[in-house]
N, C-alpha and C. Protein backbone atom coordinates (compact mmCIF):
# COMPACT_ATOMS: atom_id res chain seq x y z
N UNK A 1 154.22 -6.70 63.54
CA UNK A 1 154.42 -5.56 62.63
C UNK A 1 153.07 -4.93 62.27
N UNK A 2 152.95 -4.42 61.06
CA UNK A 2 151.76 -3.67 60.68
C UNK A 2 150.57 -4.57 60.36
N UNK A 3 149.38 -3.96 60.49
CA UNK A 3 148.13 -4.66 60.14
C UNK A 3 147.73 -4.27 58.71
N UNK A 4 147.56 -5.25 57.86
CA UNK A 4 147.28 -5.05 56.45
C UNK A 4 145.87 -5.50 56.14
N UNK A 5 145.13 -4.67 55.37
CA UNK A 5 143.84 -5.07 54.85
C UNK A 5 143.99 -5.26 53.35
N UNK A 6 143.77 -6.45 52.86
CA UNK A 6 143.90 -6.79 51.45
C UNK A 6 142.50 -6.92 50.83
N UNK A 7 142.18 -6.03 49.90
CA UNK A 7 140.86 -6.03 49.26
C UNK A 7 141.03 -6.41 47.78
N UNK A 8 140.63 -7.65 47.47
CA UNK A 8 140.80 -8.17 46.10
C UNK A 8 139.89 -9.36 45.93
N UNK A 9 139.23 -9.48 44.77
CA UNK A 9 138.32 -10.59 44.56
C UNK A 9 139.01 -11.82 44.00
N UNK A 10 140.30 -11.74 43.71
CA UNK A 10 141.06 -12.89 43.20
C UNK A 10 141.48 -13.73 44.39
N UNK A 11 140.70 -14.76 44.72
CA UNK A 11 140.95 -15.55 45.92
C UNK A 11 142.28 -16.29 45.89
N UNK A 12 142.67 -16.72 44.69
CA UNK A 12 143.95 -17.41 44.59
C UNK A 12 145.11 -16.45 44.93
N UNK A 13 145.02 -15.22 44.40
CA UNK A 13 146.08 -14.24 44.68
C UNK A 13 146.08 -13.83 46.15
N UNK A 14 144.91 -13.59 46.70
CA UNK A 14 144.84 -13.15 48.10
C UNK A 14 145.38 -14.24 49.05
N UNK A 15 145.14 -15.49 48.70
CA UNK A 15 145.66 -16.59 49.53
C UNK A 15 147.17 -16.61 49.51
N UNK A 16 147.76 -16.43 48.30
CA UNK A 16 149.22 -16.40 48.17
C UNK A 16 149.82 -15.21 48.90
N UNK A 17 149.17 -14.04 48.74
CA UNK A 17 149.69 -12.83 49.37
C UNK A 17 149.57 -12.91 50.89
N UNK A 18 148.50 -13.48 51.37
CA UNK A 18 148.34 -13.65 52.81
C UNK A 18 149.48 -14.46 53.40
N UNK A 19 149.77 -15.59 52.76
CA UNK A 19 150.89 -16.45 53.21
C UNK A 19 152.20 -15.68 53.18
N UNK A 20 152.46 -14.96 52.09
CA UNK A 20 153.70 -14.19 51.95
C UNK A 20 153.82 -13.15 53.04
N UNK A 21 152.78 -12.36 53.21
CA UNK A 21 152.84 -11.24 54.17
C UNK A 21 152.93 -11.75 55.60
N UNK A 22 152.25 -12.83 55.91
CA UNK A 22 152.34 -13.37 57.27
C UNK A 22 153.73 -13.92 57.56
N UNK A 23 154.37 -14.48 56.54
CA UNK A 23 155.75 -14.94 56.72
C UNK A 23 156.69 -13.75 56.99
N UNK A 24 156.32 -12.59 56.48
CA UNK A 24 157.14 -11.38 56.70
C UNK A 24 156.79 -10.69 58.03
N UNK A 25 155.81 -11.29 58.76
CA UNK A 25 155.47 -10.75 60.07
C UNK A 25 154.28 -9.82 60.11
N UNK A 26 153.60 -9.66 58.98
CA UNK A 26 152.42 -8.78 58.96
C UNK A 26 151.19 -9.54 59.41
N UNK A 27 150.24 -8.78 59.95
CA UNK A 27 148.92 -9.32 60.25
C UNK A 27 148.02 -8.97 59.07
N UNK A 28 147.32 -9.97 58.50
CA UNK A 28 146.58 -9.76 57.26
C UNK A 28 145.10 -10.07 57.42
N UNK A 29 144.25 -9.14 57.02
CA UNK A 29 142.81 -9.33 56.95
C UNK A 29 142.41 -9.23 55.49
N UNK A 30 141.49 -10.07 55.03
CA UNK A 30 141.13 -10.13 53.62
C UNK A 30 139.65 -9.78 53.44
N UNK A 31 139.39 -8.99 52.37
CA UNK A 31 138.03 -8.70 51.95
C UNK A 31 137.92 -9.03 50.46
N UNK A 32 136.79 -9.64 50.07
CA UNK A 32 136.64 -10.09 48.66
C UNK A 32 136.10 -9.01 47.73
N UNK A 33 135.61 -7.92 48.29
CA UNK A 33 135.11 -6.83 47.44
C UNK A 33 135.20 -5.52 48.23
N UNK A 34 134.94 -4.42 47.54
CA UNK A 34 135.07 -3.14 48.16
C UNK A 34 134.16 -2.90 49.34
N UNK A 35 132.90 -3.32 49.20
CA UNK A 35 131.95 -3.10 50.27
C UNK A 35 132.38 -3.83 51.54
N UNK A 36 132.86 -5.05 51.37
CA UNK A 36 133.35 -5.80 52.52
C UNK A 36 134.59 -5.15 53.09
N UNK A 37 135.41 -4.61 52.22
CA UNK A 37 136.62 -3.94 52.69
C UNK A 37 136.30 -2.74 53.58
N UNK A 38 135.29 -1.95 53.16
CA UNK A 38 134.91 -0.80 53.95
C UNK A 38 134.36 -1.21 55.31
N UNK A 39 133.76 -2.38 55.35
CA UNK A 39 133.21 -2.88 56.62
C UNK A 39 134.32 -3.42 57.53
N UNK A 40 135.42 -3.88 56.92
CA UNK A 40 136.50 -4.51 57.72
C UNK A 40 137.58 -3.53 58.13
N UNK A 41 137.70 -2.39 57.48
CA UNK A 41 138.76 -1.48 57.86
C UNK A 41 138.55 -0.98 59.29
N UNK A 42 139.62 -0.81 60.04
CA UNK A 42 139.50 -0.46 61.46
C UNK A 42 140.59 0.56 61.81
N UNK A 43 140.52 1.06 63.04
CA UNK A 43 141.47 2.10 63.46
C UNK A 43 142.88 1.57 63.52
N UNK A 44 143.04 0.24 63.67
CA UNK A 44 144.41 -0.32 63.75
C UNK A 44 144.89 -0.82 62.41
N UNK A 45 144.14 -0.55 61.32
CA UNK A 45 144.62 -0.92 59.99
C UNK A 45 145.72 0.06 59.57
N UNK A 46 146.90 -0.46 59.26
CA UNK A 46 148.04 0.39 58.95
C UNK A 46 148.20 0.64 57.46
N UNK A 47 147.68 -0.28 56.63
CA UNK A 47 147.86 -0.15 55.18
C UNK A 47 146.79 -1.00 54.48
N UNK A 48 146.20 -0.41 53.42
CA UNK A 48 145.22 -1.11 52.59
C UNK A 48 145.84 -1.42 51.24
N UNK A 49 145.78 -2.68 50.82
CA UNK A 49 146.14 -3.08 49.46
C UNK A 49 144.82 -3.22 48.72
N UNK A 50 144.58 -2.39 47.70
CA UNK A 50 143.27 -2.29 47.10
C UNK A 50 143.32 -2.55 45.59
N UNK A 51 142.63 -3.58 45.13
CA UNK A 51 142.53 -3.87 43.72
C UNK A 51 141.54 -2.91 43.08
N UNK A 52 141.72 -2.64 41.80
CA UNK A 52 140.83 -1.71 41.10
C UNK A 52 139.59 -2.43 40.56
N UNK A 53 139.80 -3.54 39.84
CA UNK A 53 138.70 -4.25 39.19
C UNK A 53 138.08 -5.28 40.15
N UNK A 54 136.91 -4.94 40.69
CA UNK A 54 136.21 -5.85 41.61
C UNK A 54 134.70 -5.75 41.44
N UNK A 55 133.97 -6.81 41.74
CA UNK A 55 132.50 -6.74 41.72
C UNK A 55 131.97 -6.02 42.95
N UNK A 56 130.68 -5.78 42.98
CA UNK A 56 129.96 -5.14 44.08
C UNK A 56 130.31 -3.66 44.21
N UNK A 57 131.61 -3.38 44.47
CA UNK A 57 132.06 -2.01 44.57
C UNK A 57 133.52 -1.98 44.05
N UNK A 58 133.76 -1.27 42.96
CA UNK A 58 135.08 -1.30 42.40
C UNK A 58 136.08 -0.50 43.26
N UNK A 59 137.35 -0.63 42.88
CA UNK A 59 138.41 -0.04 43.70
C UNK A 59 138.33 1.46 43.81
N UNK A 60 137.98 2.14 42.72
CA UNK A 60 137.92 3.59 42.74
C UNK A 60 136.83 4.12 43.68
N UNK A 61 135.66 3.52 43.60
CA UNK A 61 134.57 3.96 44.47
C UNK A 61 134.87 3.58 45.91
N UNK A 62 135.52 2.43 46.09
CA UNK A 62 135.93 2.04 47.44
C UNK A 62 136.89 3.06 48.03
N UNK A 63 137.87 3.49 47.21
CA UNK A 63 138.84 4.47 47.66
C UNK A 63 138.17 5.80 47.98
N UNK A 64 137.24 6.19 47.13
CA UNK A 64 136.52 7.46 47.36
C UNK A 64 135.79 7.43 48.72
N UNK A 65 135.09 6.34 48.99
CA UNK A 65 134.34 6.25 50.26
C UNK A 65 135.32 6.10 51.45
N UNK A 66 136.38 5.36 51.22
CA UNK A 66 137.36 5.17 52.30
C UNK A 66 137.95 6.51 52.72
N UNK A 67 138.28 7.36 51.74
CA UNK A 67 138.87 8.64 52.05
C UNK A 67 137.93 9.62 52.74
N UNK A 68 136.61 9.35 52.65
CA UNK A 68 135.67 10.18 53.36
C UNK A 68 135.77 9.99 54.88
N UNK A 69 136.29 8.84 55.29
CA UNK A 69 136.30 8.51 56.73
C UNK A 69 137.70 8.18 57.29
N UNK A 70 138.60 7.74 56.42
CA UNK A 70 139.85 7.21 56.93
C UNK A 70 141.03 7.89 56.23
N UNK A 71 142.15 8.02 56.96
CA UNK A 71 143.41 8.53 56.40
C UNK A 71 144.40 7.38 56.19
N UNK A 72 143.95 6.14 56.36
CA UNK A 72 144.80 4.96 56.22
C UNK A 72 145.48 4.95 54.86
N UNK A 73 146.80 4.70 54.81
CA UNK A 73 147.51 4.63 53.54
C UNK A 73 146.93 3.55 52.63
N UNK A 74 146.93 3.81 51.33
CA UNK A 74 146.37 2.87 50.36
C UNK A 74 147.37 2.66 49.22
N UNK A 75 147.66 1.41 48.95
CA UNK A 75 148.47 1.00 47.79
C UNK A 75 147.53 0.36 46.78
N UNK A 76 147.34 1.00 45.64
CA UNK A 76 146.44 0.49 44.61
C UNK A 76 147.12 -0.57 43.79
N UNK A 77 146.39 -1.64 43.49
CA UNK A 77 146.86 -2.70 42.62
C UNK A 77 146.13 -2.54 41.29
N UNK A 78 146.83 -2.09 40.25
CA UNK A 78 146.19 -1.75 39.00
C UNK A 78 146.58 -2.70 37.88
N UNK A 79 145.73 -2.73 36.84
CA UNK A 79 146.06 -3.53 35.66
C UNK A 79 147.23 -2.91 34.93
N UNK A 80 148.11 -3.73 34.40
CA UNK A 80 149.26 -3.24 33.68
C UNK A 80 148.85 -2.38 32.49
N UNK A 81 149.42 -1.20 32.38
CA UNK A 81 149.13 -0.36 31.23
C UNK A 81 147.95 0.55 31.40
N UNK A 82 147.16 0.38 32.48
CA UNK A 82 145.97 1.21 32.69
C UNK A 82 146.36 2.48 33.43
N UNK A 83 146.92 3.44 32.69
CA UNK A 83 147.38 4.69 33.30
C UNK A 83 146.24 5.46 33.92
N UNK A 84 145.06 5.42 33.31
CA UNK A 84 143.95 6.17 33.84
C UNK A 84 143.58 5.73 35.26
N UNK A 85 143.72 4.43 35.51
CA UNK A 85 143.45 3.92 36.87
C UNK A 85 144.44 4.50 37.88
N UNK A 86 145.70 4.59 37.45
CA UNK A 86 146.73 5.10 38.37
C UNK A 86 146.49 6.57 38.66
N UNK A 87 146.21 7.36 37.61
CA UNK A 87 145.98 8.79 37.79
C UNK A 87 144.76 9.02 38.66
N UNK A 88 143.69 8.32 38.38
CA UNK A 88 142.45 8.50 39.17
C UNK A 88 142.68 8.11 40.63
N UNK A 89 143.40 7.02 40.81
CA UNK A 89 143.70 6.56 42.19
C UNK A 89 144.47 7.60 42.98
N UNK A 90 145.48 8.17 42.34
CA UNK A 90 146.28 9.19 43.02
C UNK A 90 145.46 10.46 43.29
N UNK A 91 144.60 10.82 42.34
CA UNK A 91 143.76 11.99 42.53
C UNK A 91 142.79 11.78 43.72
N UNK A 92 142.35 10.54 43.91
CA UNK A 92 141.40 10.26 44.97
C UNK A 92 142.11 10.04 46.33
N UNK A 93 143.44 10.06 46.33
CA UNK A 93 144.15 9.98 47.60
C UNK A 93 144.92 8.70 47.86
N UNK A 94 145.12 7.87 46.83
CA UNK A 94 145.98 6.70 47.00
C UNK A 94 147.41 7.16 47.24
N UNK A 95 148.15 6.39 48.05
CA UNK A 95 149.54 6.76 48.35
C UNK A 95 150.50 6.30 47.25
N UNK A 96 150.19 5.21 46.60
CA UNK A 96 151.03 4.69 45.53
C UNK A 96 150.24 3.66 44.76
N UNK A 97 150.79 3.20 43.64
CA UNK A 97 150.16 2.16 42.86
C UNK A 97 151.18 1.12 42.43
N UNK A 98 150.72 -0.07 42.17
CA UNK A 98 151.60 -1.14 41.73
C UNK A 98 150.88 -1.92 40.62
N UNK A 99 151.43 -1.89 39.37
CA UNK A 99 150.77 -2.59 38.28
C UNK A 99 150.91 -4.12 38.41
N UNK A 100 149.84 -4.81 38.11
CA UNK A 100 149.88 -6.27 38.04
C UNK A 100 150.37 -6.69 36.64
N UNK A 101 151.08 -7.80 36.53
CA UNK A 101 151.58 -8.63 37.65
C UNK A 101 152.80 -7.98 38.30
N UNK A 102 153.01 -8.26 39.57
CA UNK A 102 154.15 -7.70 40.29
C UNK A 102 154.89 -8.82 41.02
N UNK A 103 156.12 -8.53 41.34
CA UNK A 103 156.91 -9.52 42.07
C UNK A 103 156.69 -9.34 43.57
N UNK A 104 156.91 -10.41 44.32
CA UNK A 104 156.82 -10.34 45.78
C UNK A 104 157.76 -9.29 46.34
N UNK A 105 158.94 -9.24 45.79
CA UNK A 105 159.97 -8.33 46.27
C UNK A 105 159.54 -6.88 46.09
N UNK A 106 158.95 -6.57 44.92
CA UNK A 106 158.54 -5.20 44.68
C UNK A 106 157.36 -4.80 45.56
N UNK A 107 156.42 -5.72 45.76
CA UNK A 107 155.27 -5.43 46.62
C UNK A 107 155.77 -5.12 48.04
N UNK A 108 156.65 -5.95 48.57
CA UNK A 108 157.14 -5.72 49.94
C UNK A 108 157.91 -4.41 50.04
N UNK A 109 158.70 -4.08 49.00
CA UNK A 109 159.45 -2.82 49.03
C UNK A 109 158.52 -1.62 49.03
N UNK A 110 157.45 -1.67 48.22
CA UNK A 110 156.49 -0.55 48.16
C UNK A 110 155.75 -0.43 49.52
N UNK A 111 155.38 -1.55 50.08
CA UNK A 111 154.69 -1.53 51.36
C UNK A 111 155.57 -0.93 52.45
N UNK A 112 156.82 -1.35 52.50
CA UNK A 112 157.73 -0.86 53.52
C UNK A 112 157.95 0.63 53.37
N UNK A 113 158.05 1.08 52.14
CA UNK A 113 158.27 2.51 51.89
C UNK A 113 157.09 3.35 52.39
N UNK A 114 155.86 2.88 52.11
CA UNK A 114 154.66 3.59 52.57
C UNK A 114 154.58 3.60 54.08
N UNK A 115 154.81 2.45 54.69
CA UNK A 115 154.73 2.35 56.14
C UNK A 115 155.80 3.21 56.82
N UNK A 116 156.95 3.30 56.21
CA UNK A 116 158.05 4.15 56.72
C UNK A 116 157.65 5.60 56.73
N UNK A 117 157.13 6.07 55.58
CA UNK A 117 156.83 7.50 55.49
C UNK A 117 155.55 7.89 56.20
N UNK A 118 154.72 6.93 56.53
CA UNK A 118 153.53 7.28 57.32
C UNK A 118 153.70 6.98 58.82
N UNK A 119 154.95 6.67 59.20
CA UNK A 119 155.25 6.54 60.62
C UNK A 119 154.96 5.18 61.22
N UNK A 120 154.75 4.16 60.38
CA UNK A 120 154.41 2.84 60.91
C UNK A 120 155.56 1.84 60.79
N UNK A 121 156.63 2.28 60.12
CA UNK A 121 157.67 1.30 59.83
C UNK A 121 158.89 1.38 60.71
N UNK A 122 158.96 2.40 61.58
CA UNK A 122 160.15 2.57 62.38
C UNK A 122 159.76 3.19 63.72
N UNK A 123 159.45 2.36 64.72
CA UNK A 123 158.96 2.85 66.00
C UNK A 123 159.96 3.75 66.70
N UNK A 124 161.25 3.43 66.57
CA UNK A 124 162.28 4.21 67.25
C UNK A 124 162.32 5.63 66.67
N UNK A 125 162.27 5.71 65.35
CA UNK A 125 162.32 7.01 64.71
C UNK A 125 161.07 7.80 65.04
N UNK A 126 159.92 7.14 65.05
CA UNK A 126 158.67 7.81 65.36
C UNK A 126 158.71 8.43 66.77
N UNK A 127 159.31 7.71 67.72
CA UNK A 127 159.45 8.22 69.08
C UNK A 127 160.37 9.45 69.09
N UNK A 128 161.48 9.37 68.38
CA UNK A 128 162.43 10.48 68.33
C UNK A 128 161.81 11.72 67.72
N UNK A 129 160.93 11.53 66.69
CA UNK A 129 160.35 12.65 65.97
C UNK A 129 159.05 13.16 66.57
N UNK A 130 158.58 12.51 67.63
CA UNK A 130 157.23 12.80 68.16
C UNK A 130 157.03 14.27 68.48
N UNK A 131 158.10 14.92 69.00
CA UNK A 131 157.98 16.32 69.42
C UNK A 131 158.47 17.32 68.36
N UNK A 132 158.96 16.82 67.23
CA UNK A 132 159.51 17.73 66.23
C UNK A 132 158.39 18.58 65.60
N UNK A 133 158.72 19.83 65.35
CA UNK A 133 157.78 20.73 64.68
C UNK A 133 158.52 21.54 63.64
N UNK A 134 158.05 21.51 62.42
CA UNK A 134 158.61 22.31 61.35
C UNK A 134 157.68 23.46 61.03
N UNK A 135 158.25 24.69 60.89
CA UNK A 135 157.47 25.84 60.56
C UNK A 135 158.01 26.50 59.30
N UNK A 136 157.11 26.84 58.41
CA UNK A 136 157.54 27.54 57.18
C UNK A 136 156.37 28.44 56.76
N UNK A 137 156.60 29.75 56.81
CA UNK A 137 155.55 30.74 56.51
C UNK A 137 154.32 30.43 57.39
N UNK A 138 153.17 30.15 56.79
CA UNK A 138 151.98 29.86 57.57
C UNK A 138 151.71 28.37 57.71
N UNK A 139 152.74 27.55 57.43
CA UNK A 139 152.62 26.08 57.48
C UNK A 139 153.31 25.55 58.72
N UNK A 140 152.67 24.64 59.43
CA UNK A 140 153.28 23.93 60.55
C UNK A 140 153.13 22.43 60.31
N UNK A 141 154.23 21.69 60.47
CA UNK A 141 154.21 20.26 60.25
C UNK A 141 154.74 19.56 61.49
N UNK A 142 154.01 18.53 61.92
CA UNK A 142 154.45 17.68 63.02
C UNK A 142 154.76 16.30 62.42
N UNK A 143 156.00 16.05 62.01
CA UNK A 143 156.34 14.80 61.30
C UNK A 143 155.98 13.53 62.12
N UNK A 144 156.20 13.59 63.44
CA UNK A 144 155.95 12.39 64.24
C UNK A 144 154.49 12.01 64.27
N UNK A 145 153.60 13.01 64.18
CA UNK A 145 152.16 12.75 64.20
C UNK A 145 151.55 12.77 62.79
N UNK A 146 152.39 13.05 61.80
CA UNK A 146 151.92 13.14 60.42
C UNK A 146 150.77 14.12 60.28
N UNK A 147 150.93 15.30 60.89
CA UNK A 147 149.90 16.33 60.83
C UNK A 147 150.45 17.60 60.20
N UNK A 148 149.63 18.23 59.39
CA UNK A 148 149.98 19.49 58.74
C UNK A 148 148.93 20.52 59.05
N UNK A 149 149.37 21.69 59.48
CA UNK A 149 148.46 22.81 59.71
C UNK A 149 148.86 23.99 58.78
N UNK A 150 147.89 24.66 58.27
CA UNK A 150 148.12 25.85 57.46
C UNK A 150 147.10 26.91 57.87
N UNK A 151 147.61 28.09 58.17
CA UNK A 151 146.74 29.17 58.66
C UNK A 151 145.91 28.66 59.86
N UNK A 152 146.59 27.87 60.69
CA UNK A 152 146.06 27.33 61.92
C UNK A 152 144.91 26.33 61.74
N UNK A 153 144.79 25.81 60.53
CA UNK A 153 143.77 24.80 60.24
C UNK A 153 144.43 23.48 59.89
N UNK A 154 143.90 22.38 60.41
CA UNK A 154 144.43 21.05 60.09
C UNK A 154 144.09 20.74 58.63
N UNK A 155 145.11 20.36 57.85
CA UNK A 155 144.95 20.06 56.43
C UNK A 155 144.87 18.56 56.25
N UNK A 156 143.88 18.11 55.49
CA UNK A 156 143.64 16.69 55.28
C UNK A 156 144.53 16.12 54.19
N UNK A 157 145.81 15.92 54.49
CA UNK A 157 146.76 15.33 53.55
C UNK A 157 146.91 13.85 53.83
N UNK A 158 147.18 13.07 52.79
CA UNK A 158 147.51 11.67 53.01
C UNK A 158 148.91 11.58 53.60
N UNK A 159 149.29 10.40 54.03
CA UNK A 159 150.64 10.22 54.58
C UNK A 159 151.73 10.55 53.58
N UNK A 160 151.54 10.15 52.34
CA UNK A 160 152.51 10.43 51.30
C UNK A 160 152.60 11.90 50.98
N UNK A 161 151.45 12.57 50.93
CA UNK A 161 151.42 14.01 50.68
C UNK A 161 152.11 14.76 51.82
N UNK A 162 151.87 14.32 53.04
CA UNK A 162 152.55 14.92 54.21
C UNK A 162 154.05 14.73 54.11
N UNK A 163 154.48 13.53 53.77
CA UNK A 163 155.92 13.26 53.67
C UNK A 163 156.57 14.09 52.56
N UNK A 164 155.84 14.26 51.43
CA UNK A 164 156.38 15.04 50.32
C UNK A 164 156.48 16.51 50.69
N UNK A 165 155.44 17.05 51.31
CA UNK A 165 155.50 18.46 51.74
C UNK A 165 156.60 18.68 52.77
N UNK A 166 156.74 17.74 53.69
CA UNK A 166 157.81 17.83 54.69
C UNK A 166 159.18 17.88 54.01
N UNK A 167 159.35 17.04 53.01
CA UNK A 167 160.63 17.01 52.26
C UNK A 167 160.93 18.36 51.62
N UNK A 168 159.91 19.00 51.06
CA UNK A 168 160.10 20.31 50.45
C UNK A 168 160.32 21.40 51.49
N UNK A 169 159.61 21.33 52.62
CA UNK A 169 159.76 22.34 53.65
C UNK A 169 161.15 22.32 54.26
N UNK A 170 161.77 21.16 54.26
CA UNK A 170 163.13 21.05 54.77
C UNK A 170 164.15 21.65 53.76
N UNK A 171 163.67 22.01 52.57
CA UNK A 171 164.56 22.51 51.49
C UNK A 171 163.96 23.76 50.83
N UNK A 172 163.53 24.75 51.58
CA UNK A 172 162.89 25.92 50.99
C UNK A 172 163.81 26.66 50.06
N UNK A 173 163.25 27.14 48.94
CA UNK A 173 164.06 27.91 48.00
C UNK A 173 165.02 27.10 47.19
N UNK A 174 164.95 25.78 47.32
CA UNK A 174 165.87 24.88 46.62
C UNK A 174 165.10 24.07 45.58
N UNK A 175 165.62 23.96 44.38
CA UNK A 175 164.99 23.13 43.35
C UNK A 175 165.22 21.66 43.72
N UNK A 176 164.16 20.92 43.88
CA UNK A 176 164.25 19.51 44.28
C UNK A 176 163.84 18.66 43.07
N UNK A 177 164.76 17.85 42.61
CA UNK A 177 164.51 17.02 41.42
C UNK A 177 163.46 15.93 41.71
N UNK A 178 162.68 15.61 40.69
CA UNK A 178 161.67 14.57 40.85
C UNK A 178 162.33 13.22 41.20
N UNK A 179 163.50 12.96 40.65
CA UNK A 179 164.21 11.72 40.96
C UNK A 179 164.55 11.61 42.44
N UNK A 180 164.94 12.75 43.05
CA UNK A 180 165.24 12.79 44.48
C UNK A 180 163.98 12.54 45.32
N UNK A 181 162.88 13.17 44.91
CA UNK A 181 161.62 12.97 45.64
C UNK A 181 161.18 11.53 45.55
N UNK A 182 161.27 10.97 44.35
CA UNK A 182 160.83 9.58 44.15
C UNK A 182 161.63 8.61 45.04
N UNK A 183 162.93 8.84 45.09
CA UNK A 183 163.80 7.94 45.85
C UNK A 183 163.65 8.15 47.36
N UNK A 184 163.58 9.41 47.79
CA UNK A 184 163.63 9.69 49.22
C UNK A 184 162.26 9.78 49.88
N UNK A 185 161.22 10.00 49.09
CA UNK A 185 159.85 10.08 49.64
C UNK A 185 159.03 8.84 49.28
N UNK A 186 159.03 8.51 48.02
CA UNK A 186 158.25 7.35 47.58
C UNK A 186 158.99 6.03 47.75
N UNK A 187 160.28 6.11 47.91
CA UNK A 187 161.06 4.88 48.16
C UNK A 187 161.31 4.06 46.93
N UNK A 188 161.32 4.71 45.76
CA UNK A 188 161.56 3.95 44.52
C UNK A 188 162.24 4.86 43.53
N UNK A 189 162.94 4.26 42.56
CA UNK A 189 163.57 5.04 41.51
C UNK A 189 162.50 5.59 40.57
N UNK A 190 162.75 6.78 40.06
CA UNK A 190 161.78 7.42 39.16
C UNK A 190 161.75 6.66 37.82
N UNK A 191 160.57 6.23 37.44
CA UNK A 191 160.37 5.50 36.19
C UNK A 191 159.92 6.45 35.10
N UNK A 192 160.24 6.18 33.86
CA UNK A 192 159.74 7.02 32.76
C UNK A 192 158.21 7.10 32.76
N UNK A 193 157.68 8.30 32.55
CA UNK A 193 156.24 8.54 32.44
C UNK A 193 155.50 8.29 33.77
N UNK A 194 156.21 8.18 34.87
CA UNK A 194 155.57 7.99 36.18
C UNK A 194 155.03 9.36 36.62
N UNK A 195 153.71 9.44 36.82
CA UNK A 195 153.08 10.72 37.18
C UNK A 195 152.68 10.79 38.64
N UNK A 196 153.15 9.84 39.43
CA UNK A 196 152.76 9.82 40.84
C UNK A 196 153.11 11.12 41.56
N UNK A 197 154.35 11.59 41.39
CA UNK A 197 154.77 12.78 42.10
C UNK A 197 153.95 14.00 41.64
N UNK A 198 153.72 14.10 40.32
CA UNK A 198 152.93 15.21 39.81
C UNK A 198 151.55 15.25 40.44
N UNK A 199 150.94 14.07 40.58
CA UNK A 199 149.59 14.01 41.15
C UNK A 199 149.59 14.37 42.64
N UNK A 200 150.62 13.89 43.37
CA UNK A 200 150.71 14.24 44.78
C UNK A 200 150.92 15.75 44.96
N UNK A 201 151.75 16.35 44.14
CA UNK A 201 151.96 17.81 44.20
C UNK A 201 150.66 18.53 43.89
N UNK A 202 149.95 18.07 42.87
CA UNK A 202 148.67 18.67 42.50
C UNK A 202 147.67 18.62 43.66
N UNK A 203 147.62 17.47 44.34
CA UNK A 203 146.73 17.32 45.50
C UNK A 203 147.10 18.28 46.63
N UNK A 204 148.40 18.42 46.88
CA UNK A 204 148.87 19.31 47.94
C UNK A 204 148.45 20.76 47.60
N UNK A 205 148.64 21.15 46.36
CA UNK A 205 148.25 22.52 45.94
C UNK A 205 146.77 22.76 46.16
N UNK A 206 145.96 21.78 45.83
CA UNK A 206 144.51 21.96 45.97
C UNK A 206 144.09 22.06 47.44
N UNK A 207 144.79 21.33 48.31
CA UNK A 207 144.36 21.25 49.70
C UNK A 207 144.87 22.41 50.57
N UNK A 208 146.02 22.98 50.22
CA UNK A 208 146.57 24.08 50.99
C UNK A 208 145.84 25.40 50.61
N UNK A 209 145.49 26.20 51.60
CA UNK A 209 144.88 27.50 51.29
C UNK A 209 145.84 28.38 50.52
N UNK A 210 145.31 29.35 49.80
CA UNK A 210 146.19 30.29 49.06
C UNK A 210 147.02 31.11 50.02
N UNK A 211 148.20 31.48 49.57
CA UNK A 211 149.03 32.40 50.34
C UNK A 211 148.37 33.76 50.39
N UNK A 212 148.65 34.50 51.45
CA UNK A 212 148.06 35.83 51.63
C UNK A 212 148.44 36.77 50.50
N UNK A 213 149.65 36.59 49.95
CA UNK A 213 150.10 37.47 48.85
C UNK A 213 149.69 36.99 47.48
N UNK A 214 148.97 35.85 47.43
CA UNK A 214 148.47 35.30 46.17
C UNK A 214 149.49 34.57 45.33
N UNK A 215 150.75 34.48 45.81
CA UNK A 215 151.77 33.75 45.08
C UNK A 215 151.60 32.23 45.24
N UNK A 216 152.08 31.44 44.27
CA UNK A 216 152.00 29.99 44.40
C UNK A 216 152.91 29.51 45.53
N UNK A 217 152.51 28.43 46.15
CA UNK A 217 153.34 27.82 47.21
C UNK A 217 154.45 26.96 46.63
N UNK A 218 154.10 26.22 45.61
CA UNK A 218 155.05 25.27 44.99
C UNK A 218 155.12 25.58 43.49
N UNK A 219 156.32 25.82 43.01
CA UNK A 219 156.50 26.10 41.60
C UNK A 219 157.07 24.89 40.89
N UNK A 220 156.52 24.58 39.71
CA UNK A 220 157.02 23.49 38.87
C UNK A 220 158.03 24.06 37.88
N UNK A 221 159.20 23.50 37.87
CA UNK A 221 160.25 23.88 36.92
C UNK A 221 160.43 22.74 35.95
N UNK A 222 159.85 22.90 34.78
CA UNK A 222 159.81 21.80 33.81
C UNK A 222 161.20 21.24 33.53
N UNK A 223 161.29 19.91 33.69
CA UNK A 223 162.55 19.23 33.39
C UNK A 223 163.57 19.33 34.54
N UNK A 224 163.24 20.08 35.61
CA UNK A 224 164.18 20.25 36.70
C UNK A 224 163.62 19.74 38.03
N UNK A 225 162.35 20.03 38.31
CA UNK A 225 161.77 19.57 39.55
C UNK A 225 160.81 20.57 40.14
N UNK A 226 160.80 20.66 41.48
CA UNK A 226 159.85 21.53 42.19
C UNK A 226 160.59 22.45 43.13
N UNK A 227 159.98 23.62 43.38
CA UNK A 227 160.59 24.60 44.23
C UNK A 227 159.54 25.15 45.21
N UNK A 228 159.81 25.09 46.52
CA UNK A 228 158.95 25.69 47.53
C UNK A 228 159.28 27.19 47.54
N UNK A 229 158.31 28.00 47.12
CA UNK A 229 158.55 29.43 46.92
C UNK A 229 158.75 30.12 48.27
N UNK A 230 159.84 30.91 48.36
CA UNK A 230 160.17 31.60 49.63
C UNK A 230 159.46 32.93 49.76
N UNK A 231 159.56 33.78 48.70
CA UNK A 231 158.95 35.12 48.78
C UNK A 231 158.17 35.39 47.53
């Protein structure tokens, strides 16, 4: 299955997680701090599990440097109640976050959801989608390759941002509820005060060039969801 890089200075936790993940069929590489993690990440790394609080190089700075070179999906492991860590992580390009302490079942579910939407969790589907191309206005999306082009330029979206934009492009002019996005894109039920979708939408808006007519690409409808603007 997928290759996982676990970056956390809690050796007891990493030992337990390594055993758990290997029993599930994953290949696991461990780094004790952010600097070591940056040295160990490779082209065949499918997912990074990244702790926030670490010596040498903390999780946020590690994520910042990682995103300068790699598009590898990242699941942040944050302290319970530290909303600022979650928001910062998402702004820097994390795909999702999981507050500590967490259950084995929830960790595996979050991992599978990320790997699914980044094209690593279903080889058969990835093969079927390899040639698919979605076009909407000046946007082109290749779901099988997880690539997005706008105005003929490759846009540097994370896997989750690509999956979210793809979900909206398949539903132009339709109000899409946050609960639907959370379930069908993030792979989890929408929790109260969860800002993950808002941050992903914000990142997409920042990364896509402005429309030629100056209109917004994605409209927020408070209390209802998001709308991909048609005209």
